[in-house]
Amino acid sequence: MLSNNNKHSLDRGEHYPPIGNFINYHISQQKKSKTEIAKALGILPKGLGNYCKRDTLQFAVLWKLSLVMKHNFIAQLGEYL
């Protein structure tokens, strides 16, 4: 039997796809500019650029990006599980 200290650390969450790469790729495939996407999200273009550099993002941010960009990032990430 596993101790409580180790049962949640069995190679889970150590390797995950960097979401910033997904976002950056899909922005490059869009007809909209980064400025237009950022404006639709209600953030500055620099903030959108920062999202593209991150390894992780909050669920709410992924949700909003999915709606604005019409791409389901959440389902795409689910394919990696």
Protein backbone atom coordinates (compact mmCIF):
# COMPACT_ATOMS: atom_id res chain seq x y z
CA MET A 1 0.00 0.00 0.00
CA LEU A 2 1.22 3.50 -0.81
CA SER A 3 1.73 6.09 1.84
CA ASN A 4 -0.32 9.27 1.61
CA ASN A 5 2.82 11.22 0.75
CA ASN A 6 3.53 9.27 -2.45
CA LYS A 7 0.12 8.28 -3.83
CA HIS A 8 -0.41 11.56 -5.69
CA SER A 9 3.12 11.86 -7.06
CA LEU A 10 3.22 8.79 -9.29
CA ASP A 11 4.35 10.48 -12.52
CA ARG A 12 1.22 12.64 -12.69
CA GLY A 13 1.48 16.27 -13.58
CA GLU A 14 5.21 16.18 -14.08
CA HIS A 15 4.96 16.19 -17.87
CA TYR A 16 2.29 18.36 -19.42
CA PRO A 17 1.97 20.08 -22.78
CA PRO A 18 2.98 23.76 -22.68
CA ILE A 19 -0.25 25.59 -23.44
CA GLY A 20 1.56 28.72 -24.60
CA ASN A 21 2.82 26.83 -27.65
CA PHE A 22 -0.74 25.80 -28.55
CA ILE A 23 -2.00 29.33 -28.22
CA ASN A 24 0.84 30.83 -30.22
CA TYR A 25 0.38 28.30 -33.02
CA HIS A 26 -3.36 28.88 -33.26
CA ILE A 27 -2.94 32.66 -33.20
CA SER A 28 -0.58 32.34 -36.17
CA GLN A 29 -3.27 30.33 -38.00
CA GLN A 30 -6.00 32.93 -37.34
CA LYS A 31 -6.96 35.69 -39.71
CA LYS A 32 -7.33 37.98 -36.70
CA SER A 33 -4.33 39.87 -35.38
CA LYS A 34 -3.02 39.49 -31.85
CA THR A 35 -4.34 42.98 -31.15
CA GLU A 36 -7.86 41.99 -32.24
CA ILE A 37 -7.77 38.80 -30.16
CA ALA A 38 -6.46 40.68 -27.12
CA LYS A 39 -9.17 43.32 -27.50
CA ALA A 40 -11.85 40.59 -27.66
CA LEU A 41 -10.41 39.14 -24.44
CA GLY A 42 -10.35 42.55 -22.77
CA ILE A 43 -6.58 42.50 -22.24
CA LEU A 44 -3.58 44.30 -23.69
CA PRO A 45 -1.69 42.67 -26.58
CA LYS A 46 1.31 42.33 -24.25
CA GLY A 47 -0.86 40.21 -21.94
CA LEU A 48 -1.74 37.92 -24.83
CA GLY A 49 1.96 37.68 -25.66
CA ASN A 50 2.60 36.66 -22.06
CA TYR A 51 -0.01 33.89 -22.36
CA CYS A 52 1.97 32.52 -25.31
CA LYS A 53 5.09 32.24 -23.15
CA ARG A 54 3.42 30.41 -20.27
CA ASP A 55 3.51 26.68 -19.62
CA THR A 56 0.21 26.78 -17.73
CA LEU A 57 -2.92 28.95 -17.70
CA GLN A 58 -6.01 29.08 -15.55
CA PHE A 59 -9.11 27.29 -16.79
CA ALA A 60 -11.05 30.55 -17.17
CA VAL A 61 -8.36 31.97 -19.46
CA LEU A 62 -8.41 28.82 -21.61
CA TRP A 63 -12.19 29.01 -21.76
CA LYS A 64 -12.16 32.63 -22.94
CA LEU A 65 -9.42 31.96 -25.48
CA SER A 66 -11.39 29.00 -26.81
CA LEU A 67 -14.47 31.16 -27.30
CA VAL A 68 -12.66 34.10 -28.89
CA MET A 69 -10.49 31.99 -31.17
CA LYS A 70 -13.19 29.40 -31.91
CA HIS A 71 -10.82 26.59 -30.99
CA ASN A 72 -11.38 24.19 -28.11
CA PHE A 73 -8.06 24.27 -26.25
CA ILE A 74 -9.61 22.33 -23.38
CA ALA A 75 -10.51 19.38 -25.60
CA GLN A 76 -7.12 19.55 -27.27
CA LEU A 77 -5.40 19.28 -23.91
CA GLY A 78 -7.73 16.43 -22.94
CA GLU A 79 -6.35 14.41 -25.84
CA TYR A 80 -3.01 14.28 -24.03
CA LEU A 81 -4.43 12.47 -21.00
